[in-house]
Amino acid sequence: MAGHSQFANIKHRKGAQDKKRASMFTKAGREIIIAARLGGPDPEYNPRLRAAITAARAVNMPKDKIEYAIKKGSGQLGGDENYEEIRYEAYAPGGIALIIEAATDNRNRTASEVRSTLTKGGGNLGETGSVGFMFDRIGLINYPADKAGAEEMFEAALEAGAADCVSDKNIHEITCENTSLAEVTEYLRKKFGDPEVSKLAWKPKNTIEIDFETAQKVLDLIDTLDEDDDVQSVYANYEISDEVAKKLENAG
């Protein structure tokens, strides 16, 4: 999708977001727990936790649940939550490469569920390193489109040290070097407030344009993976033309 976000799935079916709403708090809570465990409970001194809290608020996670997750992760409730971060590399229909990031307390369960979902969706789990070389590790920062004009956000992003800023009617998507994420986020935070997203992400070095039928299969698979509470993020190297995107929206 030229000019569109490469990091957000197309919501081509009505209710696609509603289907995932039940697991949004679980995913947000796990990220807070992990961030608090790794960097401490004070968001002022823990950029990852600050970003996790902002993301949780963006999905309307109640304040008491956020505070509970911070305490859980930092061991204030008598022991920390033993979530492990895992990355899977896989293929979707059409030879599309996938990177699947998970946070789990049961590695065997998650691996089994991810493998089963991939198989049912016409994909397959790859070996470690099988697709990772096709992606770059970057910093990703998102602001809603109404936070500023496209030109203003672009200029601010460059001043902050970002590599690029792409805007559409819904979002400003800023990318930067992975080592500069905290610095760029802090600069933009002082100017525009907390972003909706500030995290490390995977950006495909090259993309593969897919037709309507393949796009349906790929997006169905990604949607199903996203519905798994253990799966935090899914990245892919597909490209969808505006014509195919319109057909997907109409088909939804």
Protein backbone atom coordinates (compact mmCIF):
# COMPACT_ATOMS: atom_id res chain seq x y z
CA MET A 1 0.00 0.00 0.00
CA ALA A 2 2.08 2.89 -1.27
CA GLY A 3 1.83 5.77 1.18
CA HIS A 4 0.04 3.68 3.79
CA SER A 5 1.30 2.28 7.06
CA GLN A 6 3.44 -0.82 6.67
CA PHE A 7 3.05 -1.62 10.37
CA ALA A 8 -0.71 -1.67 10.83
CA ASN A 9 -2.95 -4.37 9.42
CA ILE A 10 -5.77 -3.34 7.09
CA LYS A 11 -9.08 -3.49 8.92
CA HIS A 12 -10.87 -4.80 5.84
CA ARG A 13 -13.69 -6.55 7.67
CA LYS A 14 -16.32 -4.91 9.85
CA GLY A 15 -15.74 -5.75 13.49
CA ALA A 16 -12.15 -6.90 12.97
CA GLN A 17 -11.02 -4.60 15.76
CA ASP A 18 -13.94 -5.55 18.01
CA LYS A 19 -12.98 -9.22 17.77
CA LYS A 20 -9.59 -8.36 19.25
CA ARG A 21 -10.85 -6.01 21.94
CA ALA A 22 -11.15 -8.81 24.49
CA SER A 23 -7.43 -9.52 24.29
CA MET A 24 -6.23 -5.90 24.11
CA PHE A 25 -6.03 -5.50 27.89
CA THR A 26 -4.18 -8.81 28.20
CA LYS A 27 -1.57 -7.77 25.63
CA ALA A 28 -1.18 -4.28 27.10
CA GLY A 29 -0.92 -5.70 30.61
CA ARG A 30 1.81 -8.15 29.64
CA GLU A 31 3.87 -5.40 28.01
CA ILE A 32 3.57 -3.31 31.19
CA ILE A 33 4.58 -6.29 33.33
CA ILE A 34 7.64 -7.03 31.19
CA ALA A 35 8.65 -3.35 31.01
CA ALA A 36 8.33 -2.91 34.78
CA ARG A 37 10.30 -6.09 35.42
CA LEU A 38 13.15 -5.09 33.13
CA GLY A 39 13.36 -1.36 33.86
CA GLY A 40 11.65 -0.69 37.16
CA PRO A 41 8.22 0.69 38.16
CA ASP A 42 8.84 4.42 37.60
CA PRO A 43 7.79 5.45 34.08
CA GLU A 44 9.83 8.65 34.29
CA TYR A 45 13.01 6.58 34.35
CA ASN A 46 11.72 3.69 32.25
CA PRO A 47 10.90 4.75 28.65
CA ARG A 48 9.56 1.32 27.73
CA LEU A 49 7.16 1.36 30.66
CA ARG A 50 6.05 4.89 29.84
CA ALA A 51 5.30 3.80 26.27
CA ALA A 52 3.49 0.69 27.52
CA ILE A 53 1.29 2.76 29.83
CA THR A 54 0.45 5.17 27.00
CA ALA A 55 -0.46 2.25 24.73
CA ALA A 56 -2.66 0.79 27.48
CA ARG A 57 -4.47 4.09 27.91
CA ALA A 58 -4.99 4.26 24.13
CA VAL A 59 -7.12 1.08 24.35
CA ASN A 60 -8.94 2.45 27.44
CA MET A 61 -7.36 0.07 29.93
CA PRO A 62 -8.58 1.09 33.41
CA LYS A 63 -6.12 2.88 35.67
CA ASP A 64 -6.36 0.23 38.40
CA LYS A 65 -5.42 -2.51 35.93
CA ILE A 66 -2.42 -0.50 34.76
CA GLU A 67 -1.26 0.03 38.33
CA TYR A 68 -1.78 -3.65 39.12
CA ALA A 69 0.34 -4.68 36.13
CA ILE A 70 3.16 -2.33 37.20
CA LYS A 71 3.15 -3.79 40.70
CA LYS A 72 2.98 -7.32 39.32
CA GLY A 73 5.95 -6.79 37.06
CA SER A 74 8.10 -5.02 39.62
CA GLY A 75 7.53 -7.69 42.26
CA GLN A 76 5.52 -5.49 44.64
CA LEU A 77 2.84 -8.17 44.95
CA GLY A 78 5.13 -10.86 46.30
CA GLY A 79 6.69 -12.11 43.07
CA ASP A 80 7.00 -11.08 39.47
CA GLU A 81 5.07 -12.42 36.53
CA ASN A 82 7.21 -14.85 34.59
CA TYR A 83 6.51 -13.78 31.02
CA GLU A 84 9.10 -14.58 28.38
CA GLU A 85 9.54 -12.69 25.12
CA ILE A 86 9.84 -14.94 22.06
CA ARG A 87 10.19 -14.21 18.34
CA TYR A 88 8.99 -16.61 15.65
CA GLU A 89 9.87 -16.42 11.97
CA ALA A 90 7.37 -17.79 9.49
CA TYR A 91 5.82 -17.70 6.03
CA ALA A 92 2.27 -16.78 5.05
CA PRO A 93 0.53 -17.65 1.75
CA GLY A 94 2.23 -16.18 -1.30
CA GLY A 95 5.67 -16.53 0.27
CA ILE A 96 5.09 -13.52 2.53
CA ALA A 97 7.60 -13.37 5.39
CA LEU A 98 6.30 -12.94 8.95
CA ILE A 99 7.94 -11.99 12.22
CA ILE A 100 5.72 -12.86 15.17
CA GLU A 101 6.53 -11.46 18.61
CA ALA A 102 4.99 -13.13 21.64
CA ALA A 103 4.99 -12.74 25.41
CA THR A 104 4.20 -15.99 27.19
CA ASP A 105 4.38 -17.87 30.46
CA ASN A 106 4.36 -21.19 28.59
CA ARG A 107 6.75 -21.47 25.65
CA ASN A 108 5.47 -24.89 24.55
CA ARG A 109 1.83 -23.79 24.49
CA THR A 110 2.56 -20.67 22.48
CA ALA A 111 4.77 -22.47 19.96
CA SER A 112 2.08 -25.10 19.44
CA GLU A 113 -0.70 -22.53 18.97
CA VAL A 114 1.34 -20.37 16.59
CA ARG A 115 2.34 -23.40 14.52
CA SER A 116 -1.27 -24.63 14.38
CA THR A 117 -2.58 -21.20 13.33
CA LEU A 118 0.03 -20.92 10.60
CA THR A 119 -0.74 -24.38 9.24
CA LYS A 120 -4.51 -23.79 9.19
CA GLY A 121 -3.96 -20.44 7.47
CA GLY A 122 -1.80 -21.84 4.70
CA GLY A 123 1.52 -20.76 6.18
CA ASN A 124 4.34 -22.48 7.99
CA LEU A 125 6.78 -21.88 10.82
CA GLY A 126 10.36 -21.28 9.71
CA GLU A 127 13.71 -21.81 11.37
CA THR A 128 15.33 -19.02 13.37
CA GLY A 129 16.99 -16.67 10.89
CA SER A 130 14.92 -17.85 7.94
CA VAL A 131 13.23 -14.46 7.42
CA GLY A 132 14.85 -12.15 9.96
CA PHE A 133 17.42 -10.97 7.44
CA MET A 134 14.58 -9.54 5.34
CA PHE A 135 13.74 -6.97 8.03
CA ASP A 136 15.48 -4.09 9.80
CA ARG A 137 15.06 -3.45 13.53
CA ILE A 138 13.78 0.11 13.91
CA GLY A 139 12.09 2.46 16.34
CA LEU A 140 8.40 3.15 15.63
CA ILE A 141 6.38 6.08 17.00
CA ASN A 142 2.73 6.77 16.16
CA TYR A 143 0.58 9.84 16.73
CA PRO A 144 -3.08 10.27 15.71
CA ALA A 145 -3.53 12.42 12.60
CA ASP A 146 -5.33 15.17 14.52
CA LYS A 147 -2.33 15.78 16.77
CA ALA A 148 -0.65 17.98 14.13
CA GLY A 149 -0.52 18.67 10.41
CA ALA A 150 1.53 16.36 8.23
CA GLU A 151 4.17 19.01 7.48
CA GLU A 152 4.49 20.06 11.12
CA MET A 153 4.87 16.47 12.28
CA PHE A 154 7.38 15.70 9.52
CA GLU A 155 9.57 18.69 10.41
CA ALA A 156 9.40 17.88 14.13
CA ALA A 157 10.31 14.25 13.49
CA LEU A 158 13.38 15.23 11.50
CA GLU A 159 14.40 17.74 14.19
CA ALA A 160 14.07 14.94 16.74
CA GLY A 161 16.47 12.77 14.75
CA ALA A 162 13.95 10.45 13.10
CA ALA A 163 14.61 8.89 9.71
CA ASP A 164 11.13 9.45 8.26
CA CYS A 165 7.52 10.38 8.95
CA VAL A 166 4.62 9.15 6.82
CA SER A 167 1.15 10.57 7.41
CA ASP A 168 -2.34 9.67 6.23
CA LYS A 169 -5.86 10.56 7.34
CA ASN A 170 -5.56 8.41 10.48
CA ILE A 171 -1.99 8.45 11.69
CA HIS A 172 1.48 9.96 11.72
CA GLU A 173 3.99 7.10 11.58
CA ILE A 174 7.53 8.06 12.55
CA THR A 175 10.49 5.73 12.16
CA CYS A 176 14.00 6.07 13.55
CA GLU A 177 17.12 4.08 14.36
CA ASN A 178 16.38 1.50 17.05
CA THR A 179 19.09 3.01 19.26
CA SER A 180 17.45 6.46 19.03
CA LEU A 181 13.91 5.45 20.01
CA ALA A 182 13.96 6.86 23.56
CA GLU A 183 15.61 10.12 22.46
CA VAL A 184 13.27 10.74 19.52
CA THR A 185 10.20 9.82 21.56
CA GLU A 186 11.18 12.20 24.37
CA TYR A 187 11.67 15.09 21.94
CA LEU A 188 8.28 14.53 20.32
CA ARG A 189 6.63 13.92 23.68
CA LYS A 190 7.62 17.40 24.86
CA LYS A 191 6.13 18.90 21.70
CA PHE A 192 3.00 16.79 21.13
CA GLY A 193 2.43 14.82 24.33
CA ASP A 194 2.57 11.04 24.72
CA PRO A 195 2.46 9.06 21.46
CA GLU A 196 0.00 6.22 20.99
CA VAL A 197 2.87 3.90 20.13
CA SER A 198 6.58 4.01 20.92
CA LYS A 199 8.33 0.69 20.47
CA LEU A 200 10.92 -1.33 18.63
CA ALA A 201 9.50 -2.82 15.44
CA TRP A 202 10.50 -4.74 12.33
CA LYS A 203 10.48 -3.01 8.93
CA PRO A 204 10.75 -5.09 5.74
CA LYS A 205 13.75 -4.21 3.57
CA ASN A 206 11.70 -5.04 0.49
CA THR A 207 8.01 -5.78 -0.02
CA ILE A 208 6.06 -8.19 -2.22
CA GLU A 209 2.90 -6.94 -3.92
CA ILE A 210 0.06 -9.42 -3.55
CA ASP A 211 -3.24 -9.82 -5.37
CA PHE A 212 -6.73 -9.77 -3.88
CA GLU A 213 -7.00 -13.50 -3.18
CA THR A 214 -3.58 -13.73 -1.58
CA ALA A 215 -4.22 -10.57 0.43
CA GLN A 216 -7.37 -12.09 1.90
CA LYS A 217 -5.46 -15.19 2.99
CA VAL A 218 -2.53 -13.24 4.42
CA LEU A 219 -4.70 -10.77 6.33
CA ASP A 220 -6.97 -13.55 7.63
CA LEU A 221 -3.89 -15.34 8.95
CA ILE A 222 -2.48 -12.19 10.58
CA ASP A 223 -5.88 -11.44 12.14
CA THR A 224 -6.04 -14.95 13.61
CA LEU A 225 -2.50 -14.68 14.98
CA ASP A 226 -3.38 -11.32 16.53
CA GLU A 227 -6.35 -12.88 18.33
CA ASP A 228 -3.96 -15.07 20.33
CA ASP A 229 -3.36 -13.45 23.73
CA ASP A 230 0.27 -14.56 23.64
CA VAL A 231 1.00 -12.79 20.34
CA GLN A 232 1.99 -9.16 20.85
CA SER A 233 2.85 -8.05 17.30
CA VAL A 234 2.99 -9.42 13.76
CA TYR A 235 5.12 -7.87 11.00
CA ALA A 236 5.03 -8.83 7.32
CA ASN A 237 6.62 -7.83 4.02
CA TYR A 238 3.50 -7.61 1.86
CA GLU A 239 2.53 -4.68 -0.34
CA ILE A 240 -1.09 -4.04 -1.32
CA SER A 241 -2.13 -1.70 -4.13
CA ASP A 242 -4.82 0.91 -3.55
CA GLU A 243 -7.07 -1.01 -5.96
CA VAL A 244 -6.75 -4.26 -3.97
CA ALA A 245 -7.14 -2.38 -0.68
CA LYS A 246 -10.44 -0.92 -1.89
CA LYS A 247 -11.68 -4.38 -2.91
CA LEU A 248 -10.75 -5.71 0.54
CA GLU A 249 -12.67 -2.93 2.26
CA ASN A 250 -15.74 -3.53 0.06
CA ALA A 251 -15.52 -7.27 0.69
CA GLY A 252 -15.54 -6.65 4.44
